[in-house]
C-alpha atoms as a PDB file:
ATOM      1  CA  MET A   1      37.831 -43.088  53.087  1.00  0.00           C
ATOM      2  CA  THR A   2      36.857 -42.935  56.712  1.00  0.00           C
ATOM      3  CA  ASN A   3      33.129 -43.649  58.065  1.00  0.00           C
ATOM      4  CA  ASN A   4      32.874 -39.726  58.990  1.00  0.00           C
ATOM      5  CA  ASP A   5      33.450 -38.883  55.269  1.00  0.00           C
ATOM      6  CA  ALA A   6      30.645 -41.454  54.207  1.00  0.00           C
ATOM      7  CA  THR A   7      28.354 -40.123  56.767  1.00  0.00           C
ATOM      8  CA  GLY A   8      27.363 -36.891  58.303  1.00  0.00           C
ATOM      9  CA  GLY A   9      28.582 -35.926  61.613  1.00  0.00           C
ATOM     10  CA  ASP A  10      25.303 -37.313  63.400  1.00  0.00           C
ATOM     11  CA  GLY A  11      25.654 -40.709  61.647  1.00  0.00           C
ATOM     12  CA  THR A  12      23.027 -40.355  58.743  1.00  0.00           C
ATOM     13  CA  ALA A  13      24.110 -40.671  55.006  1.00  0.00           C
ATOM     14  CA  SER A  14      25.136 -37.647  53.364  1.00  0.00           C
ATOM     15  CA  ALA A  15      23.001 -36.458  50.384  1.00  0.00           C
ATOM     16  CA  GLY A  16      23.996 -36.969  47.029  1.00  0.00           C
ATOM     17  CA  PRO A  17      25.450 -34.194  44.860  1.00  0.00           C
ATOM     18  CA  ALA A  18      23.141 -31.145  44.167  1.00  0.00           C
ATOM     19  CA  SER A  19      21.032 -31.412  41.149  1.00  0.00           C
ATOM     20  CA  PHE A  20      21.523 -28.547  38.469  1.00  0.00           C
ATOM     21  CA  PRO A  21      19.030 -27.238  35.952  1.00  0.00           C
ATOM     22  CA  GLY A  22      20.664 -28.931  33.218  1.00  0.00           C
ATOM     23  CA  ASN A  23      19.920 -32.494  34.871  1.00  0.00           C
ATOM     24  CA  ALA A  24      16.450 -31.532  35.451  1.00  0.00           C
ATOM     25  CA  PRO A  25      14.037 -33.644  33.170  1.00  0.00           C
ATOM     26  CA  PRO A  26      12.581 -31.913  30.277  1.00  0.00           C
ATOM     27  CA  PRO A  27       9.040 -30.328  30.825  1.00  0.00           C
ATOM     28  CA  PRO A  28       5.925 -32.182  29.399  1.00  0.00           C
ATOM     29  CA  PRO A  29       5.040 -30.920  25.841  1.00  0.00           C
ATOM     30  CA  VAL A  30       2.491 -28.363  25.651  1.00  0.00           C
ATOM     31  CA  ALA A  31      -0.704 -29.587  23.946  1.00  0.00           C
ATOM     32  CA  PRO A  32      -1.280 -27.524  20.458  1.00  0.00           C
ATOM     33  CA  GLY A  33      -3.911 -25.043  20.360  1.00  0.00           C
ATOM     34  CA  PRO A  34      -6.671 -24.930  17.861  1.00  0.00           C
ATOM     35  CA  PRO A  35      -5.282 -23.731  14.281  1.00  0.00           C
ATOM     36  CA  ALA A  36      -5.314 -20.411  13.354  1.00  0.00           C
ATOM     37  CA  PHE A  37      -6.455 -18.862   9.814  1.00  0.00           C
ATOM     38  CA  PRO A  38      -3.751 -16.839   8.212  1.00  0.00           C
ATOM     39  CA  ALA A  39      -4.598 -13.205   7.918  1.00  0.00           C
ATOM     40  CA  GLY A  40      -4.600 -13.625   3.891  1.00  0.00           C
ATOM     41  CA  GLY A  41      -7.580 -16.083   4.341  1.00  0.00           C
ATOM     42  CA  GLN A  42      -5.291 -18.877   2.920  1.00  0.00           C
ATOM     43  CA  VAL A  43      -5.253 -22.211   4.663  1.00  0.00           C
ATOM     44  CA  PRO A  44      -2.328 -24.480   4.025  1.00  0.00           C
ATOM     45  CA  GLY A  45      -3.678 -27.993   3.343  1.00  0.00           C
ATOM     46  CA  GLY A  46      -7.050 -27.616   2.175  1.00  0.00           C
ATOM     47  CA  ASP A  47     -10.691 -26.406   2.847  1.00  0.00           C
ATOM     48  CA  PRO A  48     -11.005 -24.882   6.480  1.00  0.00           C
ATOM     49  CA  SER A  49     -14.463 -26.075   6.641  1.00  0.00           C
ATOM     50  CA  ARG A  50     -13.107 -29.274   7.784  1.00  0.00           C
ATOM     51  CA  LEU A  51     -11.876 -27.662  10.884  1.00  0.00           C
ATOM     52  CA  GLY A  52     -15.340 -26.703  11.902  1.00  0.00           C
ATOM     53  CA  THR A  53     -14.470 -22.720  11.667  1.00  0.00           C
ATOM     54  CA  ALA A  54     -14.373 -21.972   8.367  1.00  0.00           C
ATOM     55  CA  PRO A  55     -14.210 -17.980   8.233  1.00  0.00           C
ATOM     56  CA  TYR A  56     -17.012 -17.355   5.162  1.00  0.00           C
ATOM     57  CA  ALA A  57     -18.217 -13.911   5.289  1.00  0.00           C
ATOM     58  CA  SER A  58     -21.900 -13.667   6.387  1.00  0.00           C
ATOM     59  CA  TRP A  59     -24.452 -12.180   4.262  1.00  0.00           C
ATOM     60  CA  GLY A  60     -24.636  -9.092   6.252  1.00  0.00           C
ATOM     61  CA  ILE A  61     -20.980  -8.411   5.943  1.00  0.00           C
ATOM     62  CA  ARG A  62     -21.078  -8.837   2.280  1.00  0.00           C
ATOM     63  CA  VAL A  63     -24.114  -6.645   1.757  1.00  0.00           C
ATOM     64  CA  GLY A  64     -22.310  -3.782   3.506  1.00  0.00           C
ATOM     65  CA  GLY A  65     -19.351  -4.477   1.062  1.00  0.00           C
ATOM     66  CA  TYR A  66     -21.692  -4.465  -1.808  1.00  0.00           C
ATOM     67  CA  LEU A  67     -23.650  -1.081  -0.743  1.00  0.00           C
ATOM     68  CA  ILE A  68     -20.050   0.755  -0.588  1.00  0.00           C
ATOM     69  CA  ASP A  69     -19.022  -0.323  -3.939  1.00  0.00           C
ATOM     70  CA  THR A  70     -22.557   0.459  -5.350  1.00  0.00           C
ATOM     71  CA  VAL A  71     -22.472   4.013  -4.203  1.00  0.00           C
ATOM     72  CA  ILE A  72     -18.749   4.434  -5.642  1.00  0.00           C
ATOM     73  CA  PHE A  73     -20.225   3.604  -9.232  1.00  0.00           C
ATOM     74  CA  LEU A  74     -23.504   5.544  -8.719  1.00  0.00           C
ATOM     75  CA  VAL A  75     -21.234   8.614  -8.230  1.00  0.00           C
ATOM     76  CA  VAL A  76     -19.356   7.657 -11.406  1.00  0.00           C
ATOM     77  CA  LEU A  77     -22.653   7.288 -13.239  1.00  0.00           C
ATOM     78  CA  VAL A  78     -24.000  10.523 -12.120  1.00  0.00           C
ATOM     79  CA  VAL A  79     -20.647  12.413 -13.179  1.00  0.00           C
ATOM     80  CA  LEU A  80     -20.865  10.450 -16.570  1.00  0.00           C
ATOM     81  CA  LEU A  81     -24.432  11.547 -17.380  1.00  0.00           C
ATOM     82  CA  VAL A  82     -23.503  15.221 -16.636  1.00  0.00           C
ATOM     83  CA  VAL A  83     -20.591  14.977 -18.833  1.00  0.00           C
ATOM     84  CA  PHE A  84     -22.692  13.249 -21.671  1.00  0.00           C
ATOM     85  CA  ARG A  85     -25.949  14.978 -21.071  1.00  0.00           C
ATOM     86  CA  HIS A  86     -25.714  16.556 -24.635  1.00  0.00           C
ATOM     87  CA  SER A  87     -24.346  13.614 -26.313  1.00  0.00           C
ATOM     88  CA  ASN A  88     -26.459  11.914 -29.069  1.00  0.00           C
ATOM     89  CA  THR A  89     -24.205   8.881 -28.874  1.00  0.00           C
ATOM     90  CA  LEU A  90     -26.212   5.449 -28.205  1.00  0.00           C
ATOM     91  CA  GLU A  91     -29.400   7.795 -27.855  1.00  0.00           C
ATOM     92  CA  VAL A  92     -32.523   6.127 -26.169  1.00  0.00           C
ATOM     93  CA  HIS A  93     -35.913   7.580 -26.767  1.00  0.00           C
ATOM     94  CA  LEU A  94     -38.031   7.588 -23.595  1.00  0.00           C
ATOM     95  CA  MET A  95     -41.598   8.316 -23.082  1.00  0.00           C
ATOM     96  CA  ALA A  96     -43.251   9.464 -20.146  1.00  0.00           C
ATOM     97  CA  ARG A  97     -47.148  10.291 -19.752  1.00  0.00           C
ATOM     98  CA  ARG A  98     -48.279  12.945 -17.358  1.00  0.00           C
ATOM     99  CA  GLY A  99     -51.549  14.223 -18.626  1.00  0.00           C
ATOM    100  CA  THR A 100     -49.784  14.573 -21.921  1.00  0.00           C
ATOM    101  CA  THR A 101     -47.317  12.226 -23.668  1.00  0.00           C
ATOM    102  CA  ARG A 102     -43.619  13.750 -23.554  1.00  0.00           C
ATOM    103  CA  LYS A 103     -40.614  12.262 -25.335  1.00  0.00           C
ATOM    104  CA  ARG A 104     -37.146  12.497 -23.863  1.00  0.00           C
ATOM    105  CA  HIS A 105     -33.787  11.612 -25.337  1.00  0.00           C
ATOM    106  CA  ILE A 106     -31.034  10.322 -23.366  1.00  0.00           C
ATOM    107  CA  SER A 107     -27.398   8.795 -24.231  1.00  0.00           C
ATOM    108  CA  ALA A 108     -26.796   5.386 -23.049  1.00  0.00           C
ATOM    109  CA  LEU A 109     -23.161   5.706 -23.233  1.00  0.00           C
ATOM    110  CA  PRO A 110     -22.674   6.757 -19.554  1.00  0.00           C
ATOM    111  CA  PHE A 111     -24.537   3.548 -18.421  1.00  0.00           C
ATOM    112  CA  VAL A 112     -22.298   1.346 -21.025  1.00  0.00           C
ATOM    113  CA  ILE A 113     -18.853   3.024 -19.618  1.00  0.00           C
ATOM    114  CA  THR A 114     -20.249   2.646 -16.236  1.00  0.00           C
ATOM    115  CA  ALA A 115     -20.742  -1.030 -16.740  1.00  0.00           C
ATOM    116  CA  VAL A 116     -17.488  -1.651 -18.696  1.00  0.00           C
ATOM    117  CA  LEU A 117     -15.694   0.151 -15.415  1.00  0.00           C
ATOM    118  CA  TYR A 118     -17.518  -2.006 -12.818  1.00  0.00           C
ATOM    119  CA  VAL A 119     -16.489  -5.315 -14.710  1.00  0.00           C
ATOM    120  CA  LEU A 120     -12.783  -3.873 -14.858  1.00  0.00           C
ATOM    121  CA  TYR A 121     -13.125  -2.676 -11.300  1.00  0.00           C
ATOM    122  CA  GLY A 122     -14.152  -6.212  -9.884  1.00  0.00           C
ATOM    123  CA  THR A 123     -11.500  -8.054 -12.269  1.00  0.00           C
ATOM    124  CA  VAL A 124      -8.549  -6.250 -11.361  1.00  0.00           C
ATOM    125  CA  LEU A 125      -9.035  -5.736  -7.493  1.00  0.00           C
ATOM    126  CA  CYS A 126     -10.577  -9.100  -6.854  1.00  0.00           C
ATOM    127  CA  GLY A 127      -8.046 -11.086  -9.133  1.00  0.00           C
ATOM    128  CA  SER A 128      -5.011  -9.206  -7.556  1.00  0.00           C
ATOM    129  CA  GLU A 129      -3.086 -10.649  -4.834  1.00  0.00           C
ATOM    130  CA  ARG A 130      -5.136  -8.702  -2.144  1.00  0.00           C
ATOM    131  CA  GLY A 131      -8.491 -10.037  -3.541  1.00  0.00           C
ATOM    132  CA  GLN A 132     -10.644  -7.109  -2.445  1.00  0.00           C
ATOM    133  CA  THR A 133     -12.774  -4.285  -3.929  1.00  0.00           C
ATOM    134  CA  VAL A 134     -12.764  -1.237  -1.756  1.00  0.00           C
ATOM    135  CA  GLY A 135     -16.062  -2.179  -0.283  1.00  0.00           C
ATOM    136  CA  MET A 136     -14.499  -5.424   0.705  1.00  0.00           C
ATOM    137  CA  MET A 137     -11.613  -3.729   2.177  1.00  0.00           C
ATOM    138  CA  ALA A 138     -13.908  -1.580   4.335  1.00  0.00           C
ATOM    139  CA  VAL A 139     -15.758  -4.535   5.788  1.00  0.00           C
ATOM    140  CA  GLY A 140     -12.630  -6.822   5.983  1.00  0.00           C
ATOM    141  CA  VAL A 141     -13.267  -9.495   3.659  1.00  0.00           C
ATOM    142  CA  ARG A 142     -11.646 -11.195   0.627  1.00  0.00           C
ATOM    143  CA  ALA A 143     -12.411 -13.159  -2.349  1.00  0.00           C
ATOM    144  CA  VAL A 144     -10.483 -16.277  -2.773  1.00  0.00           C
ATOM    145  CA  ARG A 145     -10.307 -19.695  -4.927  1.00  0.00           C
ATOM    146  CA  GLU A 146     -13.086 -22.079  -3.439  1.00  0.00           C
ATOM    147  CA  GLY A 147     -11.529 -25.190  -1.916  1.00  0.00           C
ATOM    148  CA  SER A 148      -7.591 -24.024  -2.083  1.00  0.00           C
ATOM    149  CA  PHE A 149      -8.512 -20.560  -0.658  1.00  0.00           C
ATOM    150  CA  GLY A 150      -5.538 -19.280  -2.807  1.00  0.00           C
ATOM    151  CA  VAL A 151      -5.598 -16.021  -5.022  1.00  0.00           C
ATOM    152  CA  LEU A 152      -8.641 -16.022  -7.241  1.00  0.00           C
ATOM    153  CA  GLY A 153      -6.673 -14.907 -10.237  1.00  0.00           C
ATOM    154  CA  TYR A 154      -7.694 -12.616 -13.108  1.00  0.00           C
ATOM    155  CA  GLY A 155      -9.570 -15.329 -15.158  1.00  0.00           C
ATOM    156  CA  ARG A 156     -11.980 -16.574 -12.236  1.00  0.00           C
ATOM    157  CA  ALA A 157     -12.169 -12.809 -11.273  1.00  0.00           C
ATOM    158  CA  LEU A 158     -13.086 -11.606 -14.769  1.00  0.00           C
ATOM    159  CA  THR A 159     -15.864 -14.344 -14.851  1.00  0.00           C
ATOM    160  CA  ARG A 160     -17.077 -13.540 -11.427  1.00  0.00           C
ATOM    161  CA  ALA A 161     -17.663  -9.804 -12.406  1.00  0.00           C
ATOM    162  CA  VAL A 162     -19.087 -10.380 -15.757  1.00  0.00           C
ATOM    163  CA  VAL A 163     -21.796 -12.697 -14.403  1.00  0.00           C
ATOM    164  CA  GLU A 164     -22.505 -10.391 -11.725  1.00  0.00           C
ATOM    165  CA  GLY A 165     -22.837  -7.597 -14.210  1.00  0.00           C
ATOM    166  CA  VAL A 166     -25.239  -9.635 -16.259  1.00  0.00           C
ATOM    167  CA  LEU A 167     -27.575 -10.441 -13.602  1.00  0.00           C
ATOM    168  CA  ARG A 168     -27.561  -6.749 -12.493  1.00  0.00           C
ATOM    169  CA  LEU A 169     -28.158  -5.586 -16.200  1.00  0.00           C
ATOM    170  CA  ILE A 170     -31.059  -8.280 -16.327  1.00  0.00           C
ATOM    171  CA  GLU A 171     -32.574  -6.674 -12.931  1.00  0.00           C
ATOM    172  CA  LEU A 172     -32.560  -3.176 -14.451  1.00  0.00           C
ATOM    173  CA  LEU A 173     -33.709  -4.057 -17.853  1.00  0.00           C
ATOM    174  CA  PHE A 174     -36.565  -6.676 -17.243  1.00  0.00           C
ATOM    175  CA  VAL A 175     -38.340  -6.151 -14.171  1.00  0.00           C
ATOM    176  CA  LEU A 176     -39.705  -9.657 -14.039  1.00  0.00           C
ATOM    177  CA  LEU A 177     -36.580 -11.326 -14.714  1.00  0.00           C
ATOM    178  CA  GLY A 178     -34.933  -9.207 -11.556  1.00  0.00           C
ATOM    179  CA  VAL A 179     -35.841 -12.272  -9.457  1.00  0.00           C
ATOM    180  CA  ILE A 180     -32.791 -14.034 -10.757  1.00  0.00           C
ATOM    181  CA  TRP A 181     -30.673 -10.963  -9.472  1.00  0.00           C
ATOM    182  CA  LEU A 182     -32.581 -11.270  -6.144  1.00  0.00           C
ATOM    183  CA  LEU A 183     -31.769 -14.889  -6.007  1.00  0.00           C
ATOM    184  CA  ASP A 184     -28.079 -14.087  -6.556  1.00  0.00           C
ATOM    185  CA  MET A 185     -27.915 -11.538  -3.887  1.00  0.00           C
ATOM    186  CA  LEU A 186     -29.778 -13.726  -1.167  1.00  0.00           C
ATOM    187  CA  PHE A 187     -28.307 -17.085  -2.042  1.00  0.00           C
ATOM    188  CA  PRO A 188     -25.679 -16.815   0.778  1.00  0.00           C
ATOM    189  CA  LEU A 189     -28.426 -16.959   3.236  1.00  0.00           C
ATOM    190  CA  TRP A 190     -28.860 -20.583   3.027  1.00  0.00           C
ATOM    191  CA  ASP A 191     -25.620 -21.575   1.178  1.00  0.00           C
ATOM    192  CA  ALA A 192     -23.111 -23.596   3.229  1.00  0.00           C
ATOM    193  CA  LYS A 193     -20.437 -21.609   1.865  1.00  0.00           C
ATOM    194  CA  ARG A 194     -22.514 -18.453   1.682  1.00  0.00           C
ATOM    195  CA  GLN A 195     -21.667 -18.246  -2.025  1.00  0.00           C
ATOM    196  CA  THR A 196     -23.685 -16.212  -4.686  1.00  0.00           C
ATOM    197  CA  LEU A 197     -24.605 -17.592  -7.686  1.00  0.00           C
ATOM    198  CA  HIS A 198     -21.769 -15.620  -9.328  1.00  0.00           C
ATOM    199  CA  ASP A 199     -19.466 -17.107  -6.847  1.00  0.00           C
ATOM    200  CA  LYS A 200     -20.431 -20.563  -7.811  1.00  0.00           C
ATOM    201  CA  VAL A 201     -19.919 -19.977 -11.434  1.00  0.00           C
ATOM    202  CA  ALA A 202     -16.536 -18.619 -10.855  1.00  0.00           C
ATOM    203  CA  GLY A 203     -15.442 -21.048  -8.469  1.00  0.00           C
ATOM    204  CA  SER A 204     -15.007 -18.168  -5.502  1.00  0.00           C
ATOM    205  CA  VAL A 205     -15.857 -17.923  -1.901  1.00  0.00           C
ATOM    206  CA  VAL A 206     -15.671 -14.608   0.193  1.00  0.00           C
ATOM    207  CA  VAL A 207     -13.720 -15.129   3.739  1.00  0.00           C
ATOM    208  CA  ARG A 208     -13.346 -12.828   6.608  1.00  0.00           C
ATOM    209  CA  LEU A 209     -10.124 -11.247   7.370  1.00  0.00           C
ATOM    210  CA  ARG A 210     -11.332 -10.023  11.056  1.00  0.00           C
ATOM    211  CA  PRO A 211     -12.699 -12.144  13.745  1.00  0.00           C
ATOM    212  CA  ALA A 212     -16.351 -12.512  13.996  1.00  0.00           C
ATOM    213  CA  GLY A 213     -17.642 -10.220  16.606  1.00  0.00           C
END
Protein backbone atom coordinates (compact mmCIF):
# COMPACT_ATOMS: atom_id res chain seq x y z
CA MET A 1 0.00 0.00 0.00
CA THR A 2 1.42 3.46 -0.92
CA ASN A 3 1.43 6.54 1.26
CA ASN A 4 -1.08 8.14 -1.11
CA ASP A 5 -3.49 5.34 -0.31
CA ALA A 6 -3.20 5.85 3.46
CA THR A 7 -3.53 9.61 3.22
CA GLY A 8 -5.60 11.97 1.16
CA GLY A 9 -4.26 13.94 -1.70
CA ASP A 10 -3.45 16.82 0.67
CA GLY A 11 -1.47 14.60 3.03
CA THR A 12 -4.13 14.39 5.73
CA ALA A 13 -5.31 11.09 7.11
CA SER A 14 -8.37 9.78 5.36
CA ALA A 15 -11.63 9.46 7.29
CA GLY A 16 -12.74 6.04 8.53
CA PRO A 17 -15.55 4.07 6.99
CA ALA A 18 -18.94 5.81 6.86
CA SER A 19 -21.25 4.93 9.74
CA PHE A 20 -24.63 3.37 9.03
CA PRO A 21 -27.83 3.57 11.12
CA GLY A 22 -27.35 -0.03 12.14
CA ASN A 23 -24.07 0.83 13.81
CA ALA A 24 -25.45 3.84 15.73
CA PRO A 25 -25.85 3.46 19.52
CA PRO A 26 -29.42 2.78 20.67
CA PRO A 27 -31.46 5.82 21.82
CA PRO A 28 -31.76 6.36 25.57
CA PRO A 29 -34.77 4.66 27.16
CA VAL A 30 -37.92 6.75 27.43
CA ALA A 31 -39.07 7.43 30.95
CA PRO A 32 -42.41 5.73 31.65
CA GLY A 33 -45.42 8.00 31.92
CA PRO A 34 -47.92 8.00 34.78
CA PRO A 35 -50.01 4.83 35.06
CA ALA A 36 -53.44 5.04 33.45
CA PHE A 37 -56.57 3.37 34.73
CA PRO A 38 -58.21 0.86 32.39
CA ALA A 39 -61.58 1.80 30.94
CA GLY A 40 -63.39 -0.76 33.06
CA GLY A 41 -62.14 0.73 36.30
CA GLN A 42 -59.99 -2.31 37.11
CA VAL A 43 -56.46 -1.70 38.25
CA PRO A 44 -54.04 -4.63 38.04
CA GLY A 45 -52.09 -5.17 41.22
CA GLY A 46 -54.36 -3.56 43.78
CA ASP A 47 -55.87 -0.38 45.01
CA PRO A 48 -55.27 2.66 42.75
CA SER A 49 -55.43 4.95 45.76
CA ARG A 50 -51.79 4.01 46.32
CA LEU A 51 -51.03 5.88 43.12
CA GLY A 52 -52.59 9.02 44.52
CA THR A 53 -55.23 9.37 41.80
CA ALA A 54 -57.93 6.85 42.69
CA PRO A 55 -60.88 7.34 40.32
CA TYR A 56 -63.61 7.30 42.98
CA ALA A 57 -66.84 8.89 41.78
CA SER A 58 -67.68 12.18 43.45
CA TRP A 59 -70.83 12.69 45.50
CA GLY A 60 -72.37 15.01 42.90
CA ILE A 61 -71.89 12.50 40.07
CA ARG A 62 -73.36 9.70 42.17
CA VAL A 63 -76.40 11.79 43.07
CA GLY A 64 -76.97 12.50 39.37
CA GLY A 65 -77.05 8.78 38.58
CA TYR A 66 -79.25 8.10 41.60
CA LEU A 67 -81.81 10.70 40.49
CA ILE A 68 -82.01 9.16 37.02
CA ASP A 69 -82.69 5.72 38.51
CA THR A 70 -85.25 7.26 40.89
CA VAL A 71 -87.16 8.86 38.02
CA ILE A 72 -87.25 5.50 36.22
CA PHE A 73 -88.82 3.80 39.23
CA LEU A 74 -91.22 6.64 39.92
CA VAL A 75 -92.60 6.04 36.42
CA VAL A 76 -92.84 2.31 37.19
CA LEU A 77 -94.66 3.03 40.46
CA VAL A 78 -97.17 5.39 38.83
CA VAL A 79 -97.96 2.82 36.15
CA LEU A 80 -98.49 0.13 38.79
CA LEU A 81 -100.70 2.43 40.87
CA VAL A 82 -102.91 2.98 37.84
CA VAL A 83 -103.04 -0.74 37.03
CA PHE A 84 -103.90 -1.77 40.61
CA ARG A 85 -106.06 1.23 41.53
CA HIS A 86 -109.11 -1.01 42.09
CA SER A 87 -107.22 -3.86 43.74
CA ASN A 88 -107.92 -4.84 47.34
CA THR A 89 -104.68 -6.83 47.65
CA LEU A 90 -102.56 -5.65 50.59
CA GLU A 91 -105.09 -2.90 51.18
CA VAL A 92 -103.98 -0.07 53.44
CA HIS A 93 -106.45 2.24 55.18
CA LEU A 94 -105.50 5.90 55.22
CA MET A 95 -107.20 8.70 57.08
CA ALA A 96 -107.13 12.34 56.03
CA ARG A 97 -108.62 15.27 57.88
CA ARG A 98 -109.75 18.34 55.98
CA GLY A 99 -112.60 19.71 58.02
CA THR A 100 -114.06 16.22 58.25
CA THR A 101 -112.28 12.91 58.67
CA ARG A 102 -112.09 10.93 55.44
CA LYS A 103 -110.98 7.36 54.95
CA ARG A 104 -109.18 6.17 51.86
CA HIS A 105 -108.17 2.69 50.80
CA ILE A 106 -105.09 2.04 48.71
CA SER A 107 -103.34 -1.17 47.69
CA ALA A 108 -99.75 -1.52 48.86
CA LEU A 109 -99.11 -4.06 46.09
CA PRO A 110 -97.63 -1.49 43.63
CA PHE A 111 -95.13 -0.39 46.28
CA VAL A 112 -94.13 -3.99 47.04
CA ILE A 113 -93.68 -4.81 43.35
CA THR A 114 -91.65 -1.63 42.80
CA ALA A 115 -89.41 -2.45 45.76
CA VAL A 116 -88.78 -5.99 44.47
CA LEU A 117 -88.05 -4.69 40.97
CA TYR A 118 -85.66 -2.11 42.43
CA VAL A 119 -83.67 -4.79 44.26
CA LEU A 120 -83.57 -7.01 41.16
CA TYR A 121 -82.56 -4.01 39.05
CA GLY A 122 -79.61 -3.16 41.27
CA THR A 123 -78.59 -6.80 41.68
CA VAL A 124 -78.62 -7.80 38.01
CA LEU A 125 -77.11 -4.62 36.57
CA CYS A 126 -74.50 -3.86 39.25
CA GLY A 127 -73.59 -7.53 39.59
CA SER A 128 -72.99 -7.97 35.88
CA GLU A 129 -69.68 -7.56 34.05
CA ARG A 130 -70.65 -3.98 33.24
CA GLY A 131 -71.48 -3.08 36.85
CA GLN A 132 -73.82 -0.20 36.00
CA THR A 133 -77.45 0.76 36.37
CA VAL A 134 -79.00 3.02 33.72
CA GLY A 135 -78.30 6.07 35.87
CA MET A 136 -74.69 5.02 36.38
CA MET A 137 -74.27 4.52 32.62
CA ALA A 138 -75.59 8.03 32.03
CA VAL A 139 -73.09 9.69 34.40
CA GLY A 140 -70.15 7.39 33.58
CA VAL A 141 -69.55 5.48 36.82
CA ARG A 142 -69.36 1.82 37.76
CA ALA A 143 -69.77 -0.27 40.93
CA VAL A 144 -66.79 -2.58 41.60
CA ARG A 145 -65.28 -4.57 44.47
CA GLU A 146 -63.46 -2.61 47.10
CA GLY A 147 -59.71 -3.25 47.02
CA SER A 148 -59.42 -5.45 43.93
CA PHE A 149 -61.60 -3.21 41.72
CA GLY A 150 -62.91 -6.36 40.02
CA VAL A 151 -66.46 -7.23 39.01
CA LEU A 152 -68.80 -6.74 41.97
CA GLY A 153 -70.68 -10.01 41.48
CA TYR A 154 -74.34 -10.80 42.07
CA GLY A 155 -73.98 -11.70 45.76
CA ARG A 156 -72.43 -8.37 46.74
CA ALA A 157 -74.76 -6.52 44.37
CA LEU A 158 -77.77 -8.15 46.06
CA THR A 159 -76.48 -7.14 49.51
CA ARG A 160 -75.88 -3.61 48.27
CA ALA A 161 -79.37 -3.30 46.74
CA VAL A 162 -81.17 -4.81 49.76
CA VAL A 163 -79.42 -2.55 52.29
CA GLU A 164 -80.11 0.52 50.15
CA GLY A 165 -83.76 -0.52 49.74
CA VAL A 166 -84.21 -1.09 53.48
CA LEU A 167 -82.73 2.31 54.29
CA ARG A 168 -85.06 3.94 51.79
CA LEU A 169 -88.05 2.05 53.25
CA ILE A 170 -87.12 3.25 56.74
CA GLU A 171 -87.03 6.80 55.44
CA LEU A 172 -90.48 6.44 53.86
CA LEU A 173 -92.20 4.75 56.80
CA PHE A 174 -90.52 6.38 59.77
CA VAL A 175 -89.77 10.04 59.32
CA LEU A 176 -87.69 10.24 62.50
CA LEU A 177 -85.49 7.34 61.35
CA GLY A 178 -85.11 8.89 57.91
CA VAL A 179 -81.91 10.46 59.18
CA ILE A 180 -80.28 7.03 58.70
CA TRP A 181 -81.12 7.08 54.99
CA LEU A 182 -79.94 10.69 54.77
CA LEU A 183 -76.68 9.73 56.45
CA ASP A 184 -76.25 6.92 53.91
CA MET A 185 -76.72 9.32 51.01
CA LEU A 186 -74.39 12.00 52.42
CA PHE A 187 -71.65 9.66 53.61
CA PRO A 188 -69.53 9.98 50.40
CA LEU A 189 -69.03 13.67 51.16
CA TRP A 190 -66.52 12.91 53.92
CA ASP A 191 -65.54 9.29 53.27
CA ALA A 192 -62.01 8.72 51.87
CA LYS A 193 -63.29 6.24 49.27
CA ARG A 194 -66.56 8.12 48.74
CA GLN A 195 -68.62 5.13 49.85
CA THR A 196 -72.19 5.14 51.06
CA LEU A 197 -73.13 3.00 54.05
CA HIS A 198 -74.60 0.36 51.74
CA ASP A 199 -71.29 0.36 49.83
CA LYS A 200 -69.43 -0.37 53.05
CA VAL A 201 -71.76 -3.23 53.99
CA ALA A 202 -71.42 -4.81 50.52
CA GLY A 203 -67.69 -4.11 50.14
CA SER A 204 -68.18 -2.04 46.99
CA VAL A 205 -66.92 1.27 45.65
CA VAL A 206 -68.08 3.39 42.73
CA VAL A 207 -65.43 4.54 40.28
CA ARG A 208 -65.37 6.95 37.36
CA LEU A 209 -65.13 5.70 33.79
CA ARG A 210 -64.54 9.21 32.43
CA PRO A 211 -61.81 11.70 33.27
CA ALA A 212 -62.77 14.21 35.90
CA GLY A 213 -63.36 17.58 34.36
